Amino acid sequence: MKTILPQRSGYWKKNYVTYRRLWLDACLNAFSNEMRGIVLDLGGKRENKRGSFQPPEHEAQAWWYLNLDWITKPNMFADVTATPLKTASVDCILCTEVLEHLKDPQSCVDEIHRLLRDDGLVFASTPFFYPVHADPYDFQRFTEDGLRHLFHEFKSVEVYRMGGYFGVLGLLCELGIPGEEGKTLTSKFVRWALKWLSRWLCSLDLSLYGTENASRQTFTTGYFLKAIR
C-alpha cells in the first residue's frame, strides 16, 4: 500500500474546505496516474467542484460524470445504482462521498462491479467521524470492515485511514465554526479560537499520523478505498 499524507501547507490555501477534504484530495492525487481509459465519476460534479484535486481528464480516453443534480451539469443524468451503461464497459470508477447517502449502498457497489472490466479500478471514500450531511439523505457510516464487506466481490481491496485522533478533533472544531453565529466580541473570539485550535490539532495529527498507539489508531475522519475487479 502507498503512504499517503497531505501537505501541511494545504490548510492555508484559498481552496481549503475541511481537513477531511484535504485528505481526500491527497488520496485522489496519489492515484491520479491510474485513472486511465474510460473513467466514470459516480456522483461527481463537472462544475462547482470542492477541494484542490484536478481530475486528469486529458489523460483518459473519456471522463464521464454521472449525477442526479442538473446543476452539476453531468454527462449522464442517472442513479448510481442503475446506470445506462453496458456491462464491463468502464476502466476506472470514482465513487467519493456517495455511499453514506444511499439507502442501499451494496446495490451501488454491485453496479460498480458490473460496469468495470476485468482488472478495472474503483476509488471510493466515505466519512466516519463526521456530522450528518443530507444530500438529500445521510443514512450511515462505514468502518474498514464494513467497506471490505461491501467490496467483497473484488479481488483486491486496499483501505486507507484518512487522519487520526487529533485530526478528528481538529475537524470537529473547524466544522463547529459556522455554528458560532453573531457579531458580538464573544462570538468573534470563539470563531477565531476554533479556527486556530483546529489548525493546531490538524498539524499535530499530520505530525503523529502512522506512529499513534493502537487505541488512537481507531479514530479517523473516514476511509479511502482502492479496489480491483
Protein backbone atom coordinates (compact mmCIF):
# COMPACT_ATOMS: atom_id res chain seq x y z
CA MET A 1 0.00 0.00 0.00
CA LYS A 2 1.06 3.56 -0.66
CA THR A 3 1.98 6.02 2.04
CA ILE A 4 -0.39 8.98 1.74
CA LEU A 5 -0.06 12.16 3.77
CA PRO A 6 -1.43 15.61 2.89
CA GLN A 7 0.92 18.58 2.84
CA ARG A 8 0.67 20.64 6.00
CA SER A 9 0.53 23.85 3.96
CA GLY A 10 -2.70 22.64 2.35
CA TYR A 11 -4.99 24.06 5.01
CA TRP A 12 -3.67 27.58 4.43
CA LYS A 13 -4.59 27.66 0.74
CA LYS A 14 -7.57 29.60 -0.62
CA ASN A 15 -9.35 26.47 -1.87
CA TYR A 16 -9.14 24.75 1.52
CA VAL A 17 -12.52 23.31 2.54
CA THR A 18 -12.05 20.99 5.54
CA TYR A 19 -9.33 18.76 6.97
CA ARG A 20 -11.22 15.77 5.64
CA ARG A 21 -11.29 17.26 2.15
CA LEU A 22 -7.54 17.86 2.43
CA TRP A 23 -7.13 14.11 2.95
CA LEU A 24 -9.48 13.25 0.09
CA ASP A 25 -7.56 15.49 -2.32
CA ALA A 26 -4.28 13.89 -1.20
CA CYS A 27 -5.66 10.38 -1.77
CA LEU A 28 -7.06 11.22 -5.19
CA ASN A 29 -3.80 12.87 -6.24
CA ALA A 30 -1.85 9.81 -5.06
CA PHE A 31 -3.73 7.60 -7.53
CA SER A 32 -4.39 10.08 -10.35
CA ASN A 33 -1.86 8.35 -12.63
CA GLU A 34 -4.03 5.21 -12.50
CA MET A 35 -7.19 6.98 -13.68
CA ARG A 36 -6.99 6.00 -17.33
CA GLY A 37 -9.16 4.64 -20.14
CA ILE A 38 -12.88 5.26 -19.75
CA VAL A 39 -13.41 6.87 -16.34
CA LEU A 40 -16.82 7.22 -14.69
CA ASP A 41 -17.29 9.58 -11.73
CA LEU A 42 -20.39 8.46 -9.84
CA GLY A 43 -21.95 11.44 -8.10
CA GLY A 44 -19.13 13.66 -9.34
CA LYS A 45 -19.51 17.28 -10.38
CA ARG A 46 -18.39 18.73 -13.69
CA GLU A 47 -18.85 22.18 -12.18
CA ASN A 48 -18.84 23.64 -8.65
CA LYS A 49 -16.16 21.21 -7.52
CA ARG A 50 -14.83 21.28 -3.97
CA GLY A 51 -11.20 20.97 -2.94
CA SER A 52 -8.00 21.18 -4.96
CA PHE A 53 -7.96 17.87 -6.86
CA GLN A 54 -7.85 18.39 -10.62
CA PRO A 55 -9.12 15.27 -12.45
CA PRO A 56 -6.59 14.18 -15.14
CA GLU A 57 -9.30 14.18 -17.80
CA HIS A 58 -6.78 14.84 -20.57
CA GLU A 59 -5.04 11.54 -19.77
CA ALA A 60 -8.23 9.47 -20.03
CA GLN A 61 -9.95 8.15 -23.14
CA ALA A 62 -13.19 9.56 -21.76
CA TRP A 63 -14.23 11.06 -18.42
CA TRP A 64 -17.93 10.92 -17.65
CA TYR A 65 -19.79 12.46 -14.72
CA LEU A 66 -22.99 10.80 -13.54
CA ASN A 67 -25.29 12.68 -11.20
CA LEU A 68 -28.96 13.33 -10.39
CA ASP A 69 -28.27 17.03 -9.82
CA TRP A 70 -28.67 19.03 -13.03
CA ILE A 71 -26.82 21.99 -11.52
CA THR A 72 -23.57 20.00 -11.71
CA LYS A 73 -24.12 19.53 -15.49
CA PRO A 74 -23.45 15.77 -15.59
CA ASN A 75 -22.71 13.84 -18.77
CA MET A 76 -25.32 11.32 -17.62
CA PHE A 77 -28.40 12.00 -15.55
CA ALA A 78 -28.94 8.70 -13.76
CA ASP A 79 -28.97 6.93 -10.42
CA VAL A 80 -25.63 5.44 -9.28
CA THR A 81 -27.36 2.09 -8.69
CA ALA A 82 -28.76 1.82 -12.24
CA THR A 83 -26.56 3.41 -14.88
CA PRO A 84 -27.35 3.36 -18.64
CA LEU A 85 -24.01 1.72 -19.50
CA LYS A 86 -23.16 -1.76 -20.74
CA THR A 87 -21.57 -4.43 -18.58
CA ALA A 88 -17.75 -4.35 -18.48
CA SER A 89 -17.61 -1.04 -20.36
CA VAL A 90 -15.59 1.11 -17.92
CA ASP A 91 -11.90 1.04 -16.90
CA CYS A 92 -12.00 3.19 -13.78
CA ILE A 93 -14.72 4.43 -11.44
CA LEU A 94 -14.68 7.15 -8.80
CA CYS A 95 -17.27 6.99 -6.02
CA THR A 96 -16.25 9.56 -3.43
CA GLU A 97 -18.51 10.68 -0.56
CA VAL A 98 -21.50 8.88 -2.07
CA LEU A 99 -22.11 5.56 -0.29
CA GLU A 100 -23.20 7.12 3.01
CA HIS A 101 -26.06 8.87 1.18
CA LEU A 102 -27.53 5.66 -0.26
CA LYS A 103 -30.26 3.63 1.40
CA ASP A 104 -28.81 0.52 -0.24
CA PRO A 105 -25.06 1.09 -0.78
CA GLN A 106 -24.49 -2.54 -1.74
CA SER A 107 -26.57 -2.00 -4.89
CA CYS A 108 -24.17 0.78 -5.91
CA VAL A 109 -21.10 -1.38 -5.29
CA ASP A 110 -22.72 -4.21 -7.26
CA GLU A 111 -23.32 -1.79 -10.13
CA ILE A 112 -19.67 -0.71 -9.99
CA HIS A 113 -18.63 -4.38 -10.19
CA ARG A 114 -20.91 -4.87 -13.22
CA LEU A 115 -19.59 -1.81 -15.06
CA LEU A 116 -15.88 -2.45 -14.60
CA ARG A 117 -13.82 -4.54 -16.96
CA ASP A 118 -11.56 -7.25 -15.52
CA ASP A 119 -8.72 -5.58 -13.59
CA GLY A 120 -10.69 -2.33 -13.64
CA LEU A 121 -10.21 0.05 -10.71
CA VAL A 122 -12.57 1.77 -8.31
CA PHE A 123 -11.61 4.56 -5.94
CA ALA A 124 -14.13 5.31 -3.21
CA SER A 125 -14.29 7.30 0.02
CA THR A 126 -16.69 7.59 2.93
CA PRO A 127 -16.69 9.69 6.12
CA PHE A 128 -16.63 8.14 9.59
CA PHE A 129 -16.37 10.80 12.32
CA TYR A 130 -18.39 13.44 10.52
CA PRO A 131 -21.67 15.32 11.14
CA VAL A 132 -24.92 14.38 9.43
CA HIS A 133 -24.95 15.94 5.96
CA ALA A 134 -28.07 15.08 3.99
CA ASP A 135 -27.73 15.12 0.19
CA PRO A 136 -30.70 14.68 0.19
CA TYR A 137 -30.28 11.96 2.87
CA ASP A 138 -27.49 10.65 5.08
CA PHE A 139 -28.05 7.01 6.02
CA GLN A 140 -24.88 5.54 7.54
CA ARG A 141 -21.16 5.45 8.33
CA PHE A 142 -18.74 2.64 7.48
CA THR A 143 -15.81 1.08 9.31
CA GLU A 144 -12.95 -0.59 7.43
CA ASP A 145 -14.63 -3.95 7.99
CA GLY A 146 -17.88 -2.57 6.62
CA LEU A 147 -16.19 -1.34 3.45
CA ARG A 148 -14.38 -4.62 2.91
CA HIS A 149 -17.71 -6.39 3.23
CA LEU A 150 -19.32 -4.09 0.65
CA PHE A 151 -16.47 -4.76 -1.81
CA HIS A 152 -16.12 -8.48 -1.02
CA GLU A 153 -16.53 -9.49 -4.68
CA PHE A 154 -13.42 -7.54 -5.73
CA LYS A 155 -10.16 -9.49 -5.89
CA SER A 156 -8.07 -6.79 -4.22
CA VAL A 157 -9.11 -4.13 -1.69
CA GLU A 158 -6.88 -1.51 -0.05
CA VAL A 159 -8.33 0.73 2.67
CA TYR A 160 -6.60 3.91 3.83
CA ARG A 161 -7.35 5.71 7.09
CA MET A 162 -7.88 9.44 6.49
CA GLY A 163 -6.37 11.12 9.53
CA GLY A 164 -6.23 10.12 13.19
CA TYR A 165 -7.40 11.12 16.67
CA PHE A 166 -6.18 14.72 16.69
CA GLY A 167 -7.40 15.18 13.12
CA VAL A 168 -10.90 14.17 14.21
CA LEU A 169 -10.77 16.76 17.00
CA GLY A 170 -9.48 19.41 14.58
CA LEU A 171 -12.14 18.59 12.01
CA LEU A 172 -14.93 18.86 14.58
CA CYS A 173 -13.55 22.22 15.72
CA GLU A 174 -13.46 23.68 12.22
CA LEU A 175 -16.91 22.31 11.36
CA GLY A 176 -18.25 23.98 14.50
CA ILE A 177 -17.13 27.44 13.41
CA PRO A 178 -20.24 28.23 11.27
CA GLY A 179 -22.44 27.29 14.24
CA GLU A 180 -20.97 30.13 16.30
CA GLU A 181 -23.03 32.95 14.85
CA GLY A 182 -23.28 36.58 15.83
CA LYS A 183 -21.21 39.75 15.75
CA THR A 184 -20.54 40.04 19.43
CA LEU A 185 -16.98 40.12 20.71
CA THR A 186 -17.52 36.73 22.34
CA SER A 187 -18.74 35.12 19.10
CA LYS A 188 -15.85 36.56 17.12
CA PHE A 189 -13.38 35.31 19.72
CA VAL A 190 -14.90 31.81 19.73
CA ARG A 191 -14.72 31.61 15.92
CA TRP A 192 -11.10 32.80 15.99
CA ALA A 193 -10.21 30.33 18.75
CA LEU A 194 -11.87 27.39 16.97
CA LYS A 195 -10.03 28.20 13.74
CA TRP A 196 -6.60 28.32 15.32
CA LEU A 197 -7.28 25.34 17.58
CA SER A 198 -8.40 23.29 14.58
CA ARG A 199 -5.26 24.23 12.60
CA TRP A 200 -3.02 23.26 15.53
CA LEU A 201 -4.79 19.93 16.05
CA CYS A 202 -4.66 19.07 12.34
CA SER A 203 -0.97 19.96 12.20
CA LEU A 204 -0.35 17.75 15.21
CA ASP A 205 -2.31 14.95 13.56
CA LEU A 206 -0.14 15.08 10.43
CA SER A 207 2.98 15.02 12.58
CA LEU A 208 1.89 11.93 14.51
CA TYR A 209 0.00 10.06 11.79
CA GLY A 210 1.21 6.48 11.43
CA THR A 211 3.01 6.47 14.77
CA GLU A 212 -0.03 6.54 17.10
CA ASN A 213 -0.68 3.78 19.59
CA ALA A 214 -3.34 1.15 18.90
CA SER A 215 -6.15 2.95 20.74
CA ARG A 216 -5.54 6.22 18.85
CA GLN A 217 -5.50 4.38 15.51
CA THR A 218 -9.17 3.52 15.98
CA PHE A 219 -10.03 7.19 15.28
CA THR A 220 -10.30 8.62 11.78
CA THR A 221 -12.28 11.17 9.78
CA GLY A 222 -13.09 8.47 7.22
CA TYR A 223 -11.68 5.97 4.75
CA PHE A 224 -10.38 5.91 1.18
CA LEU A 225 -10.52 2.68 -0.77
CA LYS A 226 -8.89 1.27 -3.90
CA ALA A 227 -10.30 -1.98 -5.26
CA ILE A 228 -9.51 -4.08 -8.34
CA ARG A 229 -12.26 -6.03 -10.04
